[in-house]
Protein backbone atom coordinates (compact mmCIF):
# COMPACT_ATOMS: atom_id res chain seq x y z
CA MET A 1 71.81 116.59 70.58
CA ALA A 2 74.75 115.20 72.18
CA THR A 3 74.32 116.23 75.80
CA ASP A 4 70.55 115.83 75.45
CA MET A 5 70.93 112.04 74.46
CA TYR A 6 71.61 111.34 78.30
CA ASP A 7 69.82 111.17 81.37
CA ASP A 8 68.73 113.55 83.80
CA GLY A 9 71.42 111.98 86.37
CA MET A 10 74.34 113.62 84.60
CA ASP A 11 76.86 115.83 87.20
CA ARG A 12 74.75 114.36 90.25
CA GLY A 13 74.23 111.65 92.60
CA TRP A 14 75.38 108.59 91.12
CA ALA A 15 77.14 110.25 88.75
CA TRP A 16 80.04 111.01 91.94
CA LEU A 17 80.09 107.28 92.69
CA VAL A 18 81.51 106.52 88.82
CA LEU A 19 83.48 109.93 89.23
CA MET A 20 85.04 107.94 92.41
CA ALA A 21 85.52 104.85 90.87
CA SER A 22 87.37 106.46 88.17
CA PHE A 23 89.70 107.77 90.27
CA PHE A 24 90.74 104.60 91.92
CA THR A 25 90.94 102.48 89.12
CA GLN A 26 93.24 104.81 87.93
CA PHE A 27 95.01 105.16 91.31
CA LEU A 28 95.43 101.39 91.14
CA VAL A 29 96.20 100.58 87.51
CA TRP A 30 98.85 103.71 87.03
CA GLY A 31 100.13 103.53 90.53
CA ILE A 32 101.46 99.87 90.47
CA SER A 33 102.61 100.08 87.04
CA LEU A 34 104.67 102.70 87.47
CA SER A 35 106.16 100.90 90.81
CA TYR A 36 108.12 98.15 88.35
CA GLY A 37 111.43 100.04 89.30
CA ILE A 38 111.21 98.40 92.38
CA PHE A 39 110.37 95.48 91.54
CA TYR A 40 113.46 96.28 88.66
CA VAL A 41 116.16 95.92 91.58
CA VAL A 42 115.26 92.79 93.55
CA LEU A 43 114.53 90.94 89.82
CA LEU A 44 118.10 91.74 88.64
CA GLU A 45 119.33 89.97 92.04
CA ASN A 46 117.50 87.33 92.52
CA LEU A 47 116.73 85.69 88.56
CA HIS A 48 120.68 87.33 87.55
CA THR A 49 119.58 88.66 84.39
CA TYR A 50 120.98 91.47 82.33
CA LYS A 51 119.46 94.98 82.89
CA SER A 52 118.11 95.51 79.39
CA THR A 53 116.16 92.02 79.52
CA THR A 54 114.56 92.66 82.70
CA ALA A 55 114.07 96.02 81.58
CA TRP A 56 112.03 95.16 78.94
CA VAL A 57 109.13 93.42 81.92
CA GLY A 58 107.89 96.98 82.50
CA SER A 59 108.30 98.20 79.35
CA ILE A 60 105.71 95.84 77.83
CA SER A 61 103.35 96.18 80.40
CA VAL A 62 102.88 99.75 80.09
CA GLY A 63 102.98 99.32 76.27
CA ILE A 64 100.02 97.13 76.01
CA LEU A 65 98.35 99.05 78.95
CA LEU A 66 98.30 102.05 76.61
CA GLY A 67 98.37 99.69 73.37
CA ILE A 68 95.25 98.28 73.88
CA GLY A 69 93.30 100.72 74.26
CA PRO A 70 91.14 100.02 70.94
CA VAL A 71 90.36 96.85 71.77
CA ALA A 72 88.98 97.72 75.37
CA SER A 73 87.11 100.63 73.32
CA VAL A 74 85.07 97.93 71.18
CA ALA A 75 85.06 95.54 74.98
CA ALA A 76 83.15 98.63 76.62
CA THR A 77 80.94 99.45 74.13
CA VAL A 78 79.80 95.78 73.22
CA LEU A 79 79.70 94.53 76.77
CA SER A 80 79.53 98.22 78.85
CA THR A 81 81.90 99.41 80.63
CA ARG A 82 81.00 97.32 83.83
CA LYS A 83 81.43 93.88 82.27
CA THR A 84 84.54 95.38 80.54
CA VAL A 85 86.76 97.07 84.02
CA ILE A 86 85.61 93.86 85.32
CA ILE A 87 87.11 91.60 83.56
CA GLY A 88 89.69 93.54 83.17
CA GLY A 89 90.26 93.38 87.59
CA VAL A 90 90.11 89.75 87.08
CA ILE A 91 93.03 88.99 84.67
CA SER A 92 95.48 91.68 86.09
CA ALA A 93 95.00 89.91 89.15
CA LEU A 94 95.28 86.18 87.57
CA GLY A 95 98.44 88.43 85.54
CA LEU A 96 100.10 89.37 88.88
CA VAL A 97 99.50 85.78 91.37
CA ALA A 98 100.81 84.10 87.82
CA SER A 99 103.98 86.23 88.28
CA SER A 100 104.66 85.56 91.85
CA PHE A 101 105.27 81.87 90.89
CA ALA A 102 107.75 83.23 87.91
CA THR A 103 110.73 81.08 87.92
CA ASN A 104 112.47 82.92 84.86
CA ILE A 105 112.75 86.74 83.42
CA TYR A 106 110.57 85.30 80.31
CA HIS A 107 107.73 83.35 82.56
CA LEU A 108 107.27 87.84 84.00
CA MET A 109 107.16 88.98 80.45
CA LEU A 110 104.27 86.73 80.21
CA THR A 111 102.42 86.78 83.34
CA TYR A 112 103.24 90.57 84.50
CA GLY A 113 104.33 92.43 81.44
CA ILE A 114 101.20 91.07 78.82
CA ILE A 115 98.36 89.23 80.62
CA THR A 116 98.30 92.24 83.72
CA GLY A 117 99.24 94.61 81.29
CA THR A 118 95.77 93.32 79.31
CA GLY A 119 93.97 93.28 81.81
CA TYR A 120 94.87 96.69 83.53
CA GLY A 121 94.50 98.33 79.76
CA LEU A 122 90.51 97.07 80.01
CA ALA A 123 90.28 99.19 83.08
CA ILE A 124 91.88 101.96 82.42
CA THR A 125 90.18 103.40 79.13
CA PRO A 126 86.50 102.58 79.80
CA GLY A 127 86.82 103.64 83.35
CA TYR A 128 88.40 106.81 82.25
CA ALA A 129 85.84 107.63 78.44
CA ILE A 130 82.91 107.21 81.07
CA LEU A 131 83.00 110.04 82.58
CA ALA A 132 81.73 112.31 79.64
CA ALA A 133 78.44 110.13 79.54
CA TYR A 134 77.61 111.22 83.44
CA PHE A 135 78.99 114.80 83.48
CA ASN A 136 78.23 117.35 81.12
CA LYS A 137 78.32 120.87 83.04
CA TRP A 138 81.65 119.23 85.36
CA ARG A 139 83.04 117.67 82.55
CA PRO A 140 86.51 119.19 82.38
CA LEU A 141 87.04 119.07 86.14
CA ALA A 142 86.05 115.21 86.37
CA PHE A 143 88.12 114.71 83.45
CA SER A 144 91.18 116.42 85.96
CA VAL A 145 89.94 114.79 89.73
CA SER A 146 90.07 111.38 87.52
CA THR A 147 93.89 111.55 86.39
CA LEU A 148 94.99 112.95 89.96
CA GLY A 149 93.69 109.26 90.85
CA ALA A 150 97.56 108.34 88.78
CA GLY A 151 99.26 111.14 89.71
CA ILE A 152 98.57 110.32 93.77
CA GLY A 153 98.91 106.07 93.20
CA SER A 154 102.59 107.31 91.34
CA LEU A 155 103.18 108.80 94.77
CA THR A 156 101.93 106.72 97.97
CA ILE A 157 101.67 103.09 96.04
CA PRO A 158 105.52 102.88 95.24
CA PRO A 159 106.85 103.19 99.34
CA LEU A 160 104.16 100.54 100.02
CA ILE A 161 105.36 98.05 97.59
CA GLN A 162 108.74 98.88 98.74
CA HIS A 163 107.82 98.18 102.23
CA LEU A 164 106.18 94.58 101.13
CA VAL A 165 108.64 93.34 99.32
CA ASP A 166 111.04 93.69 102.46
CA ALA A 167 108.22 92.41 104.41
CA TYR A 168 107.28 89.03 102.46
CA SER A 169 109.83 89.43 99.12
CA TRP A 170 109.00 89.78 95.34
CA ARG A 171 107.11 86.90 95.28
CA GLY A 172 104.93 87.48 98.39
CA THR A 173 104.65 91.40 96.74
CA MET A 174 103.43 89.87 93.13
CA LEU A 175 100.53 87.76 95.15
CA ILE A 176 99.08 91.05 97.72
CA LEU A 177 98.85 93.15 94.40
CA GLY A 178 97.00 90.41 92.57
CA GLY A 179 94.24 90.90 95.38
CA ILE A 180 94.78 94.36 95.65
CA SER A 181 94.05 94.25 91.55
CA LEU A 182 90.86 93.13 92.10
CA ASN A 183 89.34 96.12 93.77
CA LEU A 184 89.32 97.17 90.01
CA CYS A 185 86.22 94.93 89.97
CA ALA A 186 84.21 96.84 92.84
CA PHE A 187 85.13 100.01 91.21
CA GLY A 188 83.95 99.01 87.51
CA ALA A 189 80.50 97.45 89.78
CA LEU A 190 80.42 100.91 90.48
CA MET A 191 79.99 102.04 86.64
CA LYS A 192 76.45 100.94 85.73
CA PRO A 193 75.60 101.72 81.91
CA VAL A 194 73.61 104.84 81.08
CA ARG A 195 69.70 104.73 80.47
CA TRP A 196 69.99 105.47 77.06
CA ILE A 197 66.67 107.41 75.57
CA THR A 198 65.93 104.57 72.42
CA ARG A 199 63.66 102.56 70.18
CA LYS A 200 65.37 99.36 69.76
CA PRO A 201 69.14 97.98 71.10
CA PRO A 202 71.80 98.16 67.88
CA SER A 203 72.62 94.69 67.31
CA THR A 204 76.30 93.16 68.60
CA TRP A 205 77.35 93.48 64.49
CA TYR A 206 76.20 96.72 64.24
CA LEU A 207 78.18 98.15 67.42
CA LEU A 208 81.06 96.72 66.11
CA LYS A 209 80.97 97.64 62.79
CA ALA A 210 79.81 101.35 64.04
CA ASN A 211 83.26 101.45 66.38
CA CYS A 212 85.82 99.51 64.62
CA ASP A 213 85.67 102.13 61.11
CA LEU A 214 89.19 103.19 60.21
CA ASN A 215 88.38 106.04 57.88
CA MET A 216 88.75 108.42 61.00
CA PHE A 217 92.47 107.64 59.37
CA ARG A 218 91.59 109.24 56.29
CA ASN A 219 90.88 112.76 58.40
CA TRP A 220 94.13 114.50 58.78
CA VAL A 221 92.96 116.60 61.61
CA PHE A 222 92.94 112.73 63.55
CA ILE A 223 95.89 111.71 61.52
CA LEU A 224 97.71 115.14 63.36
CA PHE A 225 96.73 114.17 66.87
CA GLY A 226 98.14 109.97 66.80
CA VAL A 227 101.65 111.80 65.55
CA ASN A 228 101.05 114.05 68.50
CA GLN A 229 100.08 111.69 71.13
CA LEU A 230 103.57 109.35 69.97
CA LEU A 231 106.00 111.42 69.51
CA TRP A 232 104.84 112.70 72.91
CA ASN A 233 104.61 109.91 74.41
CA PHE A 234 108.52 109.23 73.00
CA GLY A 235 109.87 112.14 74.48
CA VAL A 236 107.70 111.23 77.93
CA SER A 237 109.45 108.07 78.09
CA ILE A 238 113.27 109.23 77.48
CA VAL A 239 112.79 111.43 81.01
CA LEU A 240 110.40 108.76 83.18
CA VAL A 241 113.25 105.98 82.21
CA LEU A 242 116.45 107.59 82.02
CA LEU A 243 116.06 110.50 84.05
CA PRO A 244 117.45 108.57 87.90
CA GLU A 245 120.39 106.79 86.25
CA TYR A 246 121.29 110.32 84.50
CA ILE A 247 121.10 112.02 87.59
CA VAL A 248 123.27 109.46 89.64
CA SER A 249 125.72 109.53 86.68
CA GLU A 250 126.07 113.39 87.76
CA GLY A 251 127.03 113.17 90.84
CA MET A 252 124.05 113.20 93.24
CA SER A 253 123.14 110.30 95.48
CA ARG A 254 120.12 108.09 94.98
CA ALA A 255 118.09 109.56 97.61
CA GLN A 256 118.91 113.04 96.37
CA ALA A 257 117.33 111.98 93.08
CA ALA A 258 114.32 110.04 94.62
CA ASN A 259 113.78 113.45 96.40
CA ILE A 260 114.05 115.43 93.22
CA LEU A 261 111.82 112.71 91.56
CA SER A 262 109.01 113.31 94.75
CA VAL A 263 108.91 117.06 93.72
CA TRP A 264 108.41 115.52 90.15
CA GLY A 265 105.38 113.41 91.22
CA ILE A 266 104.15 116.53 94.10
CA SER A 267 104.22 119.20 91.38
CA ASN A 268 102.45 116.58 88.97
CA CYS A 269 99.32 115.93 90.60
CA LEU A 270 99.21 119.80 91.26
CA GLY A 271 99.28 120.41 87.77
CA ARG A 272 96.37 117.75 87.35
CA PRO A 273 93.05 120.13 88.63
CA LEU A 274 94.75 123.51 88.21
CA ALA A 275 94.39 123.10 84.13
CA GLY A 276 91.24 120.95 84.50
CA LEU A 277 90.27 124.91 86.51
CA LEU A 278 91.32 126.84 83.99
CA VAL A 279 89.13 124.85 81.14
CA GLN A 280 86.33 124.41 83.56
CA THR A 281 85.79 128.70 84.29
CA GLY A 282 85.98 129.19 79.99
CA LEU A 283 89.33 130.87 80.82
CA LEU A 284 91.22 128.67 78.38
CA ARG A 285 89.88 125.88 75.91
CA ALA A 286 91.29 122.27 76.89
CA LEU A 287 93.16 122.54 73.01
CA GLY A 288 94.60 125.49 74.50
CA VAL A 289 95.81 124.35 77.56
CA PHE A 290 96.80 121.14 76.28
CA ASN A 291 99.23 122.40 73.22
CA LEU A 292 101.20 125.33 75.87
CA ALA A 293 101.48 122.42 78.36
CA THR A 294 103.07 120.22 75.59
CA LEU A 295 105.57 123.32 74.39
CA ALA A 296 106.62 124.11 77.76
CA SER A 297 107.34 120.33 79.26
CA GLY A 298 109.57 119.85 76.01
CA VAL A 299 111.21 122.98 76.86
CA PHE A 300 111.64 121.92 80.25
CA ALA A 301 112.43 118.40 78.89
CA ALA A 302 115.00 119.72 76.62
CA VAL A 303 116.44 121.95 79.58
CA ILE A 304 117.72 118.82 81.45
CA GLY A 305 120.45 117.87 78.92
CA ILE A 306 122.74 121.34 80.13
CA TYR A 307 125.67 120.03 81.44
CA ASN A 308 127.17 120.55 85.38
CA LEU A 309 123.53 121.29 86.88
CA GLN A 310 123.33 121.29 90.21
CA HIS A 311 120.54 120.45 92.68
CA ILE A 312 118.17 123.21 92.74
CA HIS A 313 118.13 123.50 89.35
CA TYR A 314 117.37 119.93 88.50
CA VAL A 315 114.47 120.52 91.39
CA ILE A 316 113.41 123.63 89.72
CA ILE A 317 113.14 121.83 86.33
CA LEU A 318 111.79 118.79 87.19
CA CYS A 319 108.87 121.49 89.05
CA GLY A 320 108.24 122.71 86.41
CA HIS A 321 108.37 120.06 84.24
CA GLY A 322 105.77 118.01 85.99
CA VAL A 323 103.11 120.88 86.60
CA PHE A 324 102.83 121.35 82.78
CA PHE A 325 102.81 117.11 82.37
CA GLY A 326 100.08 116.89 84.60
CA ALA A 327 98.38 119.63 82.60
CA GLN A 328 98.80 117.95 79.28
CA LEU A 329 97.02 114.88 81.30
CA SER A 330 94.35 115.94 82.39
CA ASN A 331 93.05 118.13 79.10
CA ILE A 332 94.00 114.66 77.30
CA ALA A 333 90.13 113.48 76.91
CA THR A 334 88.55 116.84 76.96
CA MET A 335 90.46 118.06 74.00
CA SER A 336 89.40 115.24 72.52
CA VAL A 337 85.64 115.93 72.47
CA GLU A 338 86.67 119.27 71.49
CA LEU A 339 88.35 118.11 68.36
CA PHE A 340 86.10 114.70 67.72
CA GLY A 341 83.01 115.44 69.88
CA VAL A 342 80.99 113.48 72.95
CA ASP A 343 80.33 110.85 70.96
CA ASN A 344 83.31 109.61 69.80
CA LEU A 345 85.23 110.15 72.97
CA LEU A 346 85.77 106.05 74.24
CA HIS A 347 86.68 105.36 70.06
CA MET A 348 88.91 108.08 70.13
CA MET A 349 90.78 107.63 73.94
CA GLY A 350 91.27 103.99 72.75
CA TRP A 351 93.17 104.93 69.46
CA CYS A 352 94.57 107.72 71.35
CA MET A 353 96.04 105.45 74.10
CA LEU A 354 97.62 103.11 71.27
CA PHE A 355 99.39 106.07 69.89
CA GLN A 356 100.99 106.62 73.72
CA GLY A 357 101.69 103.09 74.33
CA ALA A 358 103.87 103.04 70.72
CA GLY A 359 105.83 106.26 71.75
CA PHE A 360 106.33 104.79 75.08
CA LEU A 361 107.37 101.86 73.92
CA ILE A 362 110.17 103.05 72.27
CA GLY A 363 111.20 106.29 73.51
CA ALA A 364 113.64 104.91 75.98
CA PRO A 365 115.38 102.34 74.09
CA VAL A 366 115.93 104.39 71.49
CA GLY A 367 117.31 106.79 74.49
CA GLY A 368 119.51 104.45 75.82
CA LEU A 369 120.95 103.18 71.91
CA LEU A 370 122.02 107.44 72.11
CA VAL A 371 124.02 106.83 75.09
CA ASP A 372 124.99 104.22 74.50
CA CYS A 373 126.32 105.75 70.79
CA LEU A 374 127.50 109.09 72.61
CA GLY A 375 128.50 108.37 75.82
CA THR A 376 126.50 111.88 77.40
CA PHE A 377 122.92 111.80 78.23
CA SER A 378 122.83 115.26 77.15
CA TRP A 379 121.55 114.73 73.14
CA THR A 380 119.23 112.38 74.77
CA PHE A 381 117.50 114.69 76.54
CA TYR A 382 118.05 116.69 73.56
CA THR A 383 115.95 114.70 71.47
CA GLY A 384 113.09 113.89 73.81
CA GLY A 385 112.69 117.82 74.31
CA PHE A 386 112.52 118.25 70.87
CA THR A 387 109.88 115.50 69.54
CA VAL A 388 107.48 116.74 72.65
CA ILE A 389 107.74 120.85 71.25
CA VAL A 390 107.43 119.00 67.28
CA SER A 391 104.67 117.27 68.92
CA SER A 392 102.77 120.49 70.58
CA LEU A 393 103.93 122.78 67.00
CA LEU A 394 101.66 119.66 64.86
CA LEU A 395 98.28 120.32 67.48
CA MET A 396 98.51 124.25 66.70
CA ALA A 397 97.77 123.25 63.56
CA THR A 398 94.49 121.40 63.82
CA PRO A 399 92.10 124.99 64.33
CA GLY A 400 92.76 125.92 61.19
CA LEU A 401 92.85 122.84 59.24
CA ARG A 402 89.23 121.65 60.90
CA LYS A 403 87.95 125.45 59.31
CA MET A 404 90.36 124.13 55.60
CA MET A 405 88.07 121.07 56.21
CA TYR A 406 85.62 118.76 56.69
CA SER A 407 85.65 114.85 56.91
CA PRO A 408 82.11 112.91 57.02
CA ASP A 409 83.97 109.85 58.28
CA LEU A 410 84.21 111.35 62.29
CA LYS A 411 80.59 111.55 62.07
CA THR A 412 79.37 110.67 65.78
CA PRO A 413 78.45 106.96 66.85
CA ALA A 414 74.85 108.67 66.85
CA GLU A 415 74.57 110.00 63.39
CA LYS A 416 76.55 106.68 62.29
CA ARG A 417 73.69 104.04 63.09
CA VAL A 418 70.77 106.36 62.05
CA ALA A 419 72.70 106.93 58.41
CA LEU A 420 73.41 102.79 58.67
CA ALA A 421 69.55 102.24 60.33
CA SER A 422 67.56 104.64 57.43
CA GLU A 423 69.81 103.19 54.24
CA VAL A 424 67.95 99.32 56.10
CA GLU A 425 64.81 99.76 57.30
CA LEU A 426 64.08 102.74 59.36
CA GLN A 427 63.30 105.56 56.56
CA GLN A 428 61.49 107.62 59.31
CA ASP A 429 62.19 110.59 60.91
CA VAL A 430 66.35 110.47 61.91
CA GLU A 431 65.98 113.61 63.80
CA LYS A 432 64.15 111.81 66.78
CA GLU A 433 65.44 108.30 66.41
CA ILE A 434 68.17 108.52 69.05
CA MET A 435 70.59 105.01 69.13
CA CYS A 436 72.99 105.69 71.35
CA VAL A 437 75.58 102.86 73.25
CA GLY A 438 76.08 102.56 77.03
CA LEU A 439 79.31 103.24 77.89
């Protein structure tokens, strides 16, 4: 029933423009957000603040970007994806422009961390979930191509930002990035709402009631999914944030560390479409690919902590970790459709981002605390890898759990709307009444 609700433009025509817009949204948002390390060094020199305090600016930005997911889902449901992404582009641009006038690190926590992170968060979740409304046959591949934008952005935008900082200082670079972020408005304009079959439009209050329902927290499949996302990003945060310093502490140069991270970035980009093709061709289901990739990435993360590794060993380990990490990211949305249905995707992606943000926010600080207390990085990476492995084992229990129990709390939005309408006034043939919200 879910696929029959959409218009006949799926998988063709405008859908490919929407995919392009989603790709470049991921490209800009993640490319800029994951480039804070470049500003980190410059800000330490110019604002003369503590390393830990300066690091919080980037952590707050990414944490809010992910954590605001439920708000972005509701906004996209009420306002439409197009308007939400455009608003996100404007807010992120204002945050970056305001950051160029910052006089202290706390100013940047507000402008770059909170305001820019909020804008990017409003753009990223609906700009990704809308693909479910435009693709059916090619949905797994579309999601993979979209997430590939994040991988390519994380490879190409940091060198650009470094060049801008060298030429125009960090303040000028923030100002330029504010202008670049306005391109999100153009990408959002391409994400026009899907035409739905409907007899009368639902009210705003109705949409809020249908999409702010917290009853899914009584469903064990959803709870396991949330814990999986939190633990996974806890371990990922440790690897991504502490790895460069760890490699240098092992006696390698910063140039060698940069080369190793480049290998990780390239393999990450390769893993995304490869995993999408596995699901697209039907060789494996998205849930299976995600679980296997999570388990493998956890093992690779733990192996990083082994003593006395050589440069080639790190290259091999980071190559493997990058491939499986990319495979995870490219299948989150498709896996969510398998678990909760296509009509719940926007809602589920919002909560997914919240769990991811919570895990990412606390992972690196806890890892740093372990390094300070134990005097070694090894147990930090063992901890990060172990939490990722545990997250995969938890999600492996979901197929059996779904067979053992069924929760009516995870009805599709269409089912919720039909049920609510029938209680109030319709009392008609509900199977013919399709009242669905345009993404």
